[in-house]
Structure formats: structure tokens, C-alpha cells
């Protein structure tokens, strides 16, 4: 069984020392699924909903990118990173649900899984915020890591 990497020999929290790790290209892709409901989805035209707050998906994508960049400020043991790229895609998958994909890339010594997961979550939270006047029945159903490459272990779910 693996040990927790964020605890020192006294079982106190620590930030992992990555100074001896190799610099590699690292990528992570997270996916979130969200129930919007028919009341919200039917208001979309051409895969976008324009509200008084602005275009929902475009605003949510920008918020998700900001979330990626702020991950180390939100999650205590995450390293501040110089992100090379973020790509967020939102798809309406049926009459009530959407899916969000957040891909983050870096050339560095630590992975970007938390950044991708944060970006997907913030994107969904922004959609919720922008559509809550229409319906408060929305649910962020699942957020999961799909792909992680470039570190000592790769994941492809």
C-alpha cells in the first residue's frame, strides 16, 4: 500500500519536494457531467445561451481557465505552476445533460491533475451560477480524471 506523499515522518502536512523530478510534458484531462434539465437546455440556441450575465458557456470556459490558474491558491498542497495550455470543451449530450472536458498541459516537474479537475468544477459552478435564475434543479453529477500523462505513472480511464 502506498504512503501519503503529503505527510512528513512526524505525520505533519508537507508540500512534496519535486526538485529531483525530471521536467517532462505533462497532461491531464478531467470530465464533469452536469444535469441542467429541460427548462435550461431548451433555452440554448446554437449550443449557447445568452443571458443578462453574458453567454453562459463562453463565460464558464473563461472561469474554468481562471480556476486552473488559481488551483494552488485553493488546494493547500498544490504547487504553483506555469501552465502551458488549457482547453475546455462543453457539449450538450441530451435534452437534460452536458459534459465538460478540461485539458491542461505543462512542461514541468509535477502533474496537472488537480488543475484539470478544478477547471472542470469551476466551469460547472459558473454554469450553475449563470442559470440558477431559470432553475435550481441543476446537479453537478460527476467529476473525474480521464487522462494523466508524463509523470511516473500514466492513467487512461
N, C-alpha and C. Protein backbone atom coordinates (compact mmCIF):
# COMPACT_ATOMS: atom_id res chain seq x y z
N UNK A 1 0.84 -1.18 0.00
CA UNK A 1 0.00 0.00 0.00
C UNK A 1 0.89 1.24 0.00
N UNK A 2 0.55 2.22 -0.81
CA UNK A 2 1.32 3.45 -0.90
C UNK A 2 1.11 4.31 0.33
N UNK A 3 2.13 5.08 0.64
CA UNK A 3 2.03 6.03 1.73
C UNK A 3 1.53 7.36 1.19
N UNK A 4 0.96 8.18 2.07
CA UNK A 4 0.55 9.52 1.66
C UNK A 4 1.80 10.36 1.43
N UNK A 5 1.87 11.00 0.27
CA UNK A 5 3.07 11.78 -0.08
C UNK A 5 3.10 13.14 0.57
N UNK A 6 1.98 13.59 1.12
CA UNK A 6 1.91 14.93 1.70
C UNK A 6 2.02 14.92 3.22
N UNK A 7 2.64 13.86 3.76
CA UNK A 7 2.89 13.80 5.21
C UNK A 7 4.38 13.55 5.42
N UNK A 8 4.95 14.24 6.41
CA UNK A 8 6.36 14.01 6.72
C UNK A 8 6.49 12.86 7.72
N UNK A 9 7.72 12.62 8.19
CA UNK A 9 7.96 11.49 9.09
C UNK A 9 7.23 11.63 10.43
N UNK A 10 6.81 12.85 10.79
CA UNK A 10 6.03 13.07 12.02
C UNK A 10 4.53 13.10 11.75
N UNK A 11 4.15 12.72 10.53
CA UNK A 11 2.75 12.74 10.11
C UNK A 11 2.15 14.14 10.06
N UNK A 12 3.00 15.13 9.87
CA UNK A 12 2.53 16.50 9.67
C UNK A 12 2.43 16.79 8.18
N UNK A 13 1.52 17.68 7.80
CA UNK A 13 1.39 18.01 6.38
C UNK A 13 2.66 18.65 5.82
N UNK A 14 2.92 18.34 4.54
CA UNK A 14 4.06 18.96 3.86
C UNK A 14 3.72 19.07 2.39
N UNK A 15 4.40 19.98 1.71
CA UNK A 15 4.32 20.03 0.26
C UNK A 15 5.42 19.14 -0.26
N UNK A 16 5.07 18.27 -1.20
CA UNK A 16 6.04 17.33 -1.76
C UNK A 16 7.18 18.09 -2.43
N UNK A 17 8.40 17.64 -2.19
CA UNK A 17 9.58 18.24 -2.82
C UNK A 17 9.76 17.60 -4.19
N UNK A 18 9.62 18.42 -5.24
CA UNK A 18 9.72 17.90 -6.60
C UNK A 18 11.05 18.29 -7.26
N UNK A 19 11.98 18.79 -6.48
CA UNK A 19 13.23 19.31 -7.06
C UNK A 19 14.04 18.25 -7.79
N UNK A 20 13.93 16.99 -7.41
CA UNK A 20 14.71 15.94 -8.07
C UNK A 20 13.96 15.27 -9.23
N UNK A 21 12.71 15.66 -9.47
CA UNK A 21 11.95 15.08 -10.57
C UNK A 21 12.42 15.65 -11.91
N UNK A 22 12.24 14.87 -12.95
CA UNK A 22 12.59 15.30 -14.30
C UNK A 22 11.51 16.23 -14.86
N UNK A 23 11.94 17.18 -15.65
CA UNK A 23 10.99 18.03 -16.37
C UNK A 23 10.49 17.25 -17.57
N UNK A 24 9.19 17.06 -17.63
CA UNK A 24 8.56 16.37 -18.75
C UNK A 24 7.28 17.10 -19.14
N UNK A 25 6.79 16.81 -20.34
CA UNK A 25 5.48 17.32 -20.74
C UNK A 25 4.44 16.49 -20.00
N UNK A 26 3.55 17.16 -19.35
CA UNK A 26 2.52 16.50 -18.56
C UNK A 26 1.15 17.03 -18.97
N UNK A 27 0.21 16.11 -19.09
CA UNK A 27 -1.15 16.47 -19.49
C UNK A 27 -2.14 15.77 -18.59
N UNK A 28 -3.24 16.44 -18.32
CA UNK A 28 -4.34 15.81 -17.61
C UNK A 28 -5.64 16.27 -18.26
N UNK A 29 -6.58 15.33 -18.34
CA UNK A 29 -7.91 15.65 -18.85
C UNK A 29 -8.92 15.19 -17.81
N UNK A 30 -9.79 16.12 -17.40
CA UNK A 30 -10.87 15.81 -16.46
C UNK A 30 -12.20 16.00 -17.19
N UNK A 31 -13.17 15.23 -16.75
CA UNK A 31 -14.52 15.31 -17.32
C UNK A 31 -15.52 15.52 -16.19
N UNK A 32 -16.45 16.43 -16.43
CA UNK A 32 -17.56 16.64 -15.50
C UNK A 32 -18.86 16.44 -16.27
N UNK A 33 -19.83 15.80 -15.65
CA UNK A 33 -21.16 15.71 -16.23
C UNK A 33 -22.11 16.49 -15.33
N UNK A 34 -23.05 17.17 -15.95
CA UNK A 34 -23.93 18.05 -15.20
C UNK A 34 -25.34 17.96 -15.75
N UNK A 35 -26.29 17.80 -14.85
CA UNK A 35 -27.72 17.83 -15.19
C UNK A 35 -28.16 19.28 -15.18
N UNK A 36 -28.60 19.78 -16.33
CA UNK A 36 -29.17 21.13 -16.38
C UNK A 36 -30.68 21.11 -16.36
N UNK A 37 -31.24 20.07 -16.92
CA UNK A 37 -32.70 19.97 -17.01
C UNK A 37 -33.21 20.57 -18.31
N UNK A 38 -34.42 20.13 -18.71
CA UNK A 38 -35.01 20.61 -19.96
C UNK A 38 -35.29 22.10 -19.93
N UNK A 39 -35.67 22.60 -18.77
CA UNK A 39 -36.00 24.03 -18.67
C UNK A 39 -34.82 24.91 -19.05
N UNK A 40 -33.62 24.48 -18.72
CA UNK A 40 -32.43 25.24 -19.08
C UNK A 40 -31.99 24.90 -20.50
N UNK A 41 -31.86 23.63 -20.81
CA UNK A 41 -31.35 23.19 -22.12
C UNK A 41 -32.19 23.76 -23.27
N UNK A 42 -33.51 23.80 -23.12
CA UNK A 42 -34.36 24.28 -24.22
C UNK A 42 -34.13 25.75 -24.54
N UNK A 43 -33.51 26.48 -23.67
CA UNK A 43 -33.22 27.91 -23.92
C UNK A 43 -31.95 28.13 -24.74
N UNK A 44 -31.19 27.05 -24.96
CA UNK A 44 -29.96 27.17 -25.74
C UNK A 44 -30.30 27.22 -27.22
N UNK A 45 -29.59 28.06 -27.95
CA UNK A 45 -29.66 28.07 -29.41
C UNK A 45 -28.23 28.03 -29.92
N UNK A 46 -28.01 27.17 -30.90
CA UNK A 46 -26.65 27.01 -31.46
C UNK A 46 -25.61 26.74 -30.38
N UNK A 47 -25.95 25.86 -29.44
CA UNK A 47 -25.04 25.45 -28.37
C UNK A 47 -24.58 26.59 -27.46
N UNK A 48 -25.40 27.60 -27.30
CA UNK A 48 -25.07 28.70 -26.38
C UNK A 48 -26.37 29.30 -25.85
N UNK A 49 -26.30 29.84 -24.66
CA UNK A 49 -27.42 30.53 -24.03
C UNK A 49 -26.93 31.91 -23.64
N UNK A 50 -27.54 32.93 -24.17
CA UNK A 50 -27.18 34.31 -23.85
C UNK A 50 -28.12 34.80 -22.76
N UNK A 51 -27.54 35.19 -21.63
CA UNK A 51 -28.32 35.73 -20.52
C UNK A 51 -27.90 37.18 -20.27
N UNK A 52 -28.57 37.82 -19.32
CA UNK A 52 -28.17 39.19 -18.95
C UNK A 52 -26.75 39.22 -18.39
N UNK A 53 -26.29 38.08 -17.88
CA UNK A 53 -24.92 37.97 -17.37
C UNK A 53 -23.92 37.70 -18.47
N UNK A 54 -24.39 37.40 -19.69
CA UNK A 54 -23.50 37.10 -20.80
C UNK A 54 -23.72 35.71 -21.34
N UNK A 55 -22.89 35.29 -22.31
CA UNK A 55 -23.00 33.94 -22.87
C UNK A 55 -22.54 32.91 -21.84
N UNK A 56 -23.42 31.96 -21.54
CA UNK A 56 -23.18 31.02 -20.44
C UNK A 56 -21.92 30.18 -20.67
N UNK A 57 -21.86 29.45 -21.77
CA UNK A 57 -20.73 28.54 -21.97
C UNK A 57 -19.42 29.31 -22.14
N UNK A 58 -19.43 30.39 -22.90
CA UNK A 58 -18.20 31.16 -23.10
C UNK A 58 -17.68 31.72 -21.77
N UNK A 59 -18.58 32.23 -20.94
CA UNK A 59 -18.19 32.75 -19.63
C UNK A 59 -17.67 31.63 -18.74
N UNK A 60 -18.34 30.48 -18.78
CA UNK A 60 -17.93 29.34 -17.95
C UNK A 60 -16.55 28.83 -18.37
N UNK A 61 -16.26 28.84 -19.66
CA UNK A 61 -14.94 28.41 -20.13
C UNK A 61 -13.86 29.36 -19.59
N UNK A 62 -14.10 30.64 -19.66
CA UNK A 62 -13.13 31.61 -19.14
C UNK A 62 -12.95 31.42 -17.63
N UNK A 63 -14.04 31.20 -16.91
CA UNK A 63 -13.95 30.95 -15.46
C UNK A 63 -13.17 29.67 -15.18
N UNK A 64 -13.40 28.63 -15.97
CA UNK A 64 -12.67 27.37 -15.79
C UNK A 64 -11.18 27.55 -15.99
N UNK A 65 -10.80 28.34 -17.00
CA UNK A 65 -9.38 28.63 -17.23
C UNK A 65 -8.81 29.38 -16.03
N UNK A 66 -9.55 30.35 -15.50
CA UNK A 66 -9.08 31.06 -14.31
C UNK A 66 -8.94 30.10 -13.13
N UNK A 67 -9.88 29.16 -13.00
CA UNK A 67 -9.80 28.17 -11.93
C UNK A 67 -8.55 27.32 -12.03
N UNK A 68 -8.20 26.91 -13.25
CA UNK A 68 -6.97 26.14 -13.45
C UNK A 68 -5.78 26.93 -12.92
N UNK A 69 -5.71 28.20 -13.28
CA UNK A 69 -4.56 29.03 -12.90
C UNK A 69 -4.52 29.32 -11.40
N UNK A 70 -5.65 29.22 -10.71
CA UNK A 70 -5.72 29.52 -9.27
C UNK A 70 -5.70 28.27 -8.39
N UNK A 71 -5.52 27.10 -8.97
CA UNK A 71 -5.62 25.85 -8.21
C UNK A 71 -4.72 25.83 -6.98
N UNK A 72 -3.48 26.28 -7.11
CA UNK A 72 -2.56 26.23 -5.97
C UNK A 72 -2.98 27.17 -4.85
N UNK A 73 -3.82 28.16 -5.15
CA UNK A 73 -4.34 29.04 -4.11
C UNK A 73 -5.53 28.42 -3.39
N UNK A 74 -6.17 27.46 -4.02
CA UNK A 74 -7.37 26.83 -3.45
C UNK A 74 -7.07 25.53 -2.72
N UNK A 75 -6.09 24.79 -3.22
CA UNK A 75 -5.77 23.47 -2.65
C UNK A 75 -4.38 23.57 -2.03
N UNK A 76 -4.28 23.47 -0.72
CA UNK A 76 -3.06 23.84 0.01
C UNK A 76 -1.77 23.17 -0.45
N UNK A 77 -1.78 21.92 -0.83
CA UNK A 77 -0.52 21.23 -1.14
C UNK A 77 -0.17 21.24 -2.62
N UNK A 78 -0.96 21.92 -3.44
CA UNK A 78 -0.66 22.01 -4.87
C UNK A 78 0.43 23.04 -5.12
N UNK A 79 1.35 22.71 -6.01
CA UNK A 79 2.43 23.62 -6.37
C UNK A 79 1.92 24.70 -7.31
N UNK A 80 2.36 25.94 -7.14
CA UNK A 80 2.06 26.95 -8.15
C UNK A 80 2.77 26.57 -9.45
N UNK A 81 2.06 26.61 -10.55
CA UNK A 81 2.60 26.11 -11.81
C UNK A 81 2.49 27.16 -12.92
N UNK A 82 3.42 27.09 -13.83
CA UNK A 82 3.36 27.88 -15.05
C UNK A 82 2.66 27.00 -16.09
N UNK A 83 1.38 27.22 -16.25
CA UNK A 83 0.56 26.41 -17.14
C UNK A 83 0.89 26.74 -18.59
N UNK A 84 1.10 25.71 -19.41
CA UNK A 84 1.36 25.92 -20.83
C UNK A 84 0.08 26.08 -21.64
N UNK A 85 -0.96 25.36 -21.27
CA UNK A 85 -2.20 25.46 -22.04
C UNK A 85 -3.38 24.86 -21.32
N UNK A 86 -4.56 25.43 -21.61
CA UNK A 86 -5.82 24.92 -21.07
C UNK A 86 -6.83 24.93 -22.21
N UNK A 87 -7.54 23.83 -22.38
CA UNK A 87 -8.60 23.75 -23.38
C UNK A 87 -9.82 23.16 -22.71
N UNK A 88 -10.91 23.91 -22.71
CA UNK A 88 -12.16 23.46 -22.10
C UNK A 88 -13.22 23.37 -23.19
N UNK A 89 -13.92 22.23 -23.20
CA UNK A 89 -14.96 21.99 -24.19
C UNK A 89 -16.23 21.59 -23.45
N UNK A 90 -17.35 22.18 -23.86
CA UNK A 90 -18.65 21.87 -23.25
C UNK A 90 -19.57 21.34 -24.34
N UNK A 91 -20.20 20.20 -24.07
CA UNK A 91 -21.10 19.58 -25.03
C UNK A 91 -22.46 19.32 -24.40
N UNK A 92 -23.52 19.65 -25.12
CA UNK A 92 -24.86 19.24 -24.72
C UNK A 92 -25.01 17.81 -25.21
N UNK A 93 -25.22 16.86 -24.27
CA UNK A 93 -25.23 15.45 -24.67
C UNK A 93 -26.64 14.87 -24.85
N UNK A 94 -27.64 15.51 -24.27
CA UNK A 94 -29.03 15.10 -24.50
C UNK A 94 -29.94 16.24 -24.04
N UNK A 95 -31.20 15.97 -23.85
CA UNK A 95 -32.17 17.03 -23.55
C UNK A 95 -32.06 17.58 -22.13
N UNK A 96 -31.20 16.99 -21.30
CA UNK A 96 -31.10 17.47 -19.92
C UNK A 96 -29.67 17.60 -19.40
N UNK A 97 -28.68 17.04 -20.12
CA UNK A 97 -27.32 16.94 -19.56
C UNK A 97 -26.26 17.54 -20.47
N UNK A 98 -25.17 17.96 -19.84
CA UNK A 98 -23.99 18.42 -20.55
C UNK A 98 -22.78 17.68 -20.02
N UNK A 99 -21.69 17.75 -20.78
CA UNK A 99 -20.41 17.26 -20.29
C UNK A 99 -19.37 18.33 -20.54
N UNK A 100 -18.42 18.41 -19.62
CA UNK A 100 -17.34 19.39 -19.69
C UNK A 100 -16.03 18.62 -19.69
N UNK A 101 -15.16 18.95 -20.63
CA UNK A 101 -13.82 18.37 -20.67
C UNK A 101 -12.82 19.50 -20.44
N UNK A 102 -11.89 19.29 -19.53
CA UNK A 102 -10.84 20.28 -19.26
C UNK A 102 -9.49 19.60 -19.42
N UNK A 103 -8.72 20.05 -20.42
CA UNK A 103 -7.38 19.52 -20.67
C UNK A 103 -6.35 20.58 -20.31
N UNK A 104 -5.39 20.17 -19.49
CA UNK A 104 -4.34 21.08 -19.02
C UNK A 104 -2.99 20.47 -19.38
N UNK A 105 -2.09 21.31 -19.89
CA UNK A 105 -0.76 20.85 -20.28
C UNK A 105 0.30 21.75 -19.63
N UNK A 106 1.39 21.11 -19.25
CA UNK A 106 2.52 21.82 -18.64
C UNK A 106 3.81 21.09 -19.05
N UNK A 107 4.89 21.80 -19.05
CA UNK A 107 6.20 21.18 -19.10
C UNK A 107 6.83 21.48 -17.75
N UNK A 108 6.91 20.47 -16.90
CA UNK A 108 7.37 20.72 -15.54
C UNK A 108 7.67 19.45 -14.78
N UNK A 109 7.76 19.60 -13.46
CA UNK A 109 8.16 18.51 -12.58
C UNK A 109 7.00 17.89 -11.82
N UNK A 110 5.81 18.41 -12.00
CA UNK A 110 4.66 17.86 -11.30
C UNK A 110 3.46 17.88 -12.22
N UNK A 111 2.51 17.00 -11.95
CA UNK A 111 1.36 16.84 -12.83
C UNK A 111 0.31 17.92 -12.66
N UNK A 112 -0.69 17.86 -13.52
CA UNK A 112 -1.74 18.88 -13.54
C UNK A 112 -3.13 18.27 -13.36
N UNK A 113 -3.20 17.14 -12.67
CA UNK A 113 -4.49 16.51 -12.43
C UNK A 113 -5.43 17.42 -11.63
N UNK A 114 -4.92 18.00 -10.58
CA UNK A 114 -5.77 18.86 -9.74
C UNK A 114 -6.23 20.09 -10.50
N UNK A 115 -5.37 20.60 -11.38
CA UNK A 115 -5.73 21.75 -12.18
C UNK A 115 -6.87 21.41 -13.15
N UNK A 116 -6.78 20.24 -13.79
CA UNK A 116 -7.84 19.82 -14.72
C UNK A 116 -9.15 19.59 -13.98
N UNK A 117 -9.09 18.95 -12.82
CA UNK A 117 -10.29 18.71 -12.02
C UNK A 117 -10.90 20.02 -11.53
N UNK A 118 -10.06 20.95 -11.12
CA UNK A 118 -10.54 22.26 -10.68
C UNK A 118 -11.19 23.01 -11.83
N UNK A 119 -10.54 22.99 -12.99
CA UNK A 119 -11.10 23.68 -14.16
C UNK A 119 -12.47 23.16 -14.54
N UNK A 120 -12.64 21.84 -14.52
CA UNK A 120 -13.94 21.24 -14.85
C UNK A 120 -15.00 21.65 -13.82
N UNK A 121 -14.62 21.63 -12.55
CA UNK A 121 -15.56 22.02 -11.49
C UNK A 121 -15.96 23.48 -11.59
N UNK A 122 -15.01 24.36 -11.76
CA UNK A 122 -15.31 25.80 -11.82
C UNK A 122 -16.17 26.11 -13.04
N UNK A 123 -15.92 25.41 -14.15
CA UNK A 123 -16.76 25.59 -15.33
C UNK A 123 -18.21 25.26 -14.99
N UNK A 124 -18.44 24.13 -14.34
CA UNK A 124 -19.80 23.73 -13.97
C UNK A 124 -20.41 24.69 -12.95
N UNK A 125 -19.65 25.10 -11.98
CA UNK A 125 -20.17 26.04 -10.98
C UNK A 125 -20.58 27.36 -11.62
N UNK A 126 -19.84 27.79 -12.62
CA UNK A 126 -20.18 29.03 -13.31
C UNK A 126 -21.48 28.87 -14.11
N UNK A 127 -21.64 27.73 -14.75
CA UNK A 127 -22.89 27.45 -15.46
C UNK A 127 -24.05 27.47 -14.48
N UNK A 128 -23.87 26.84 -13.34
CA UNK A 128 -24.91 26.83 -12.30
C UNK A 128 -25.26 28.26 -11.90
N UNK A 129 -24.23 29.06 -11.63
CA UNK A 129 -24.46 30.44 -11.20
C UNK A 129 -25.22 31.24 -12.26
N UNK A 130 -24.85 31.04 -13.51
CA UNK A 130 -25.47 31.83 -14.58
C UNK A 130 -26.89 31.37 -14.92
N UNK A 131 -27.24 30.13 -14.58
CA UNK A 131 -28.55 29.59 -14.93
C UNK A 131 -29.47 29.40 -13.73
N UNK A 132 -29.02 29.72 -12.53
CA UNK A 132 -29.83 29.43 -11.34
C UNK A 132 -31.13 30.23 -11.28
N UNK A 133 -31.21 31.35 -12.01
CA UNK A 133 -32.46 32.09 -12.04
C UNK A 133 -33.52 31.36 -12.87
N UNK A 134 -33.08 30.49 -13.77
CA UNK A 134 -34.00 29.69 -14.58
C UNK A 134 -34.44 28.45 -13.81
N UNK A 135 -33.46 27.78 -13.18
CA UNK A 135 -33.75 26.54 -12.46
C UNK A 135 -32.69 26.30 -11.40
N UNK A 136 -33.14 25.85 -10.25
CA UNK A 136 -32.20 25.46 -9.21
C UNK A 136 -32.18 23.95 -9.04
N UNK A 137 -32.64 23.24 -10.06
CA UNK A 137 -32.65 21.77 -10.07
C UNK A 137 -31.36 21.20 -10.65
N UNK A 138 -30.43 22.06 -11.08
CA UNK A 138 -29.19 21.58 -11.70
C UNK A 138 -28.35 20.80 -10.70
N UNK A 139 -27.60 19.81 -11.22
CA UNK A 139 -26.76 18.97 -10.37
C UNK A 139 -25.44 18.70 -11.10
N UNK A 140 -24.33 19.00 -10.43
CA UNK A 140 -23.03 18.56 -10.92
C UNK A 140 -22.91 17.11 -10.48
N UNK A 141 -22.97 16.19 -11.44
CA UNK A 141 -23.14 14.78 -11.10
C UNK A 141 -21.83 14.04 -10.87
N UNK A 142 -20.86 14.27 -11.71
CA UNK A 142 -19.62 13.51 -11.60
C UNK A 142 -18.47 14.33 -12.17
N UNK A 143 -17.38 14.34 -11.45
CA UNK A 143 -16.15 14.94 -11.93
C UNK A 143 -15.06 13.90 -11.73
N UNK A 144 -14.37 13.55 -12.84
CA UNK A 144 -13.36 12.51 -12.71
C UNK A 144 -12.19 12.79 -13.65
N UNK A 145 -11.05 12.22 -13.28
CA UNK A 145 -9.86 12.30 -14.10
C UNK A 145 -9.94 11.22 -15.17
N UNK A 146 -9.78 11.62 -16.42
CA UNK A 146 -9.80 10.65 -17.53
C UNK A 146 -8.40 10.25 -17.96
N UNK A 147 -7.51 11.24 -18.05
CA UNK A 147 -6.17 11.00 -18.60
C UNK A 147 -5.14 11.76 -17.78
N UNK A 148 -4.01 11.11 -17.54
CA UNK A 148 -2.84 11.73 -16.92
C UNK A 148 -1.63 11.14 -17.61
N UNK A 149 -0.80 12.00 -18.19
CA UNK A 149 0.40 11.52 -18.85
C UNK A 149 1.60 12.36 -18.44
N UNK A 150 2.78 11.75 -18.56
CA UNK A 150 4.03 12.49 -18.38
C UNK A 150 4.74 12.35 -17.06
N UNK A 151 4.13 11.72 -16.09
CA UNK A 151 4.79 11.51 -14.81
C UNK A 151 5.28 10.09 -14.69
N UNK A 152 5.45 9.64 -13.44
CA UNK A 152 5.94 8.26 -13.26
C UNK A 152 4.88 7.22 -13.55
N UNK A 153 3.61 7.63 -13.55
CA UNK A 153 2.55 6.69 -13.91
C UNK A 153 1.50 7.42 -14.75
N UNK A 154 1.08 6.76 -15.82
CA UNK A 154 0.06 7.32 -16.69
C UNK A 154 -1.28 6.70 -16.34
N UNK A 155 -2.35 7.46 -16.58
CA UNK A 155 -3.71 6.99 -16.35
C UNK A 155 -4.49 7.26 -17.63
N UNK A 156 -5.29 6.30 -18.04
CA UNK A 156 -6.16 6.48 -19.18
C UNK A 156 -7.46 5.76 -18.88
N UNK A 157 -8.42 6.50 -18.31
CA UNK A 157 -9.71 5.90 -17.92
C UNK A 157 -10.70 6.02 -19.06
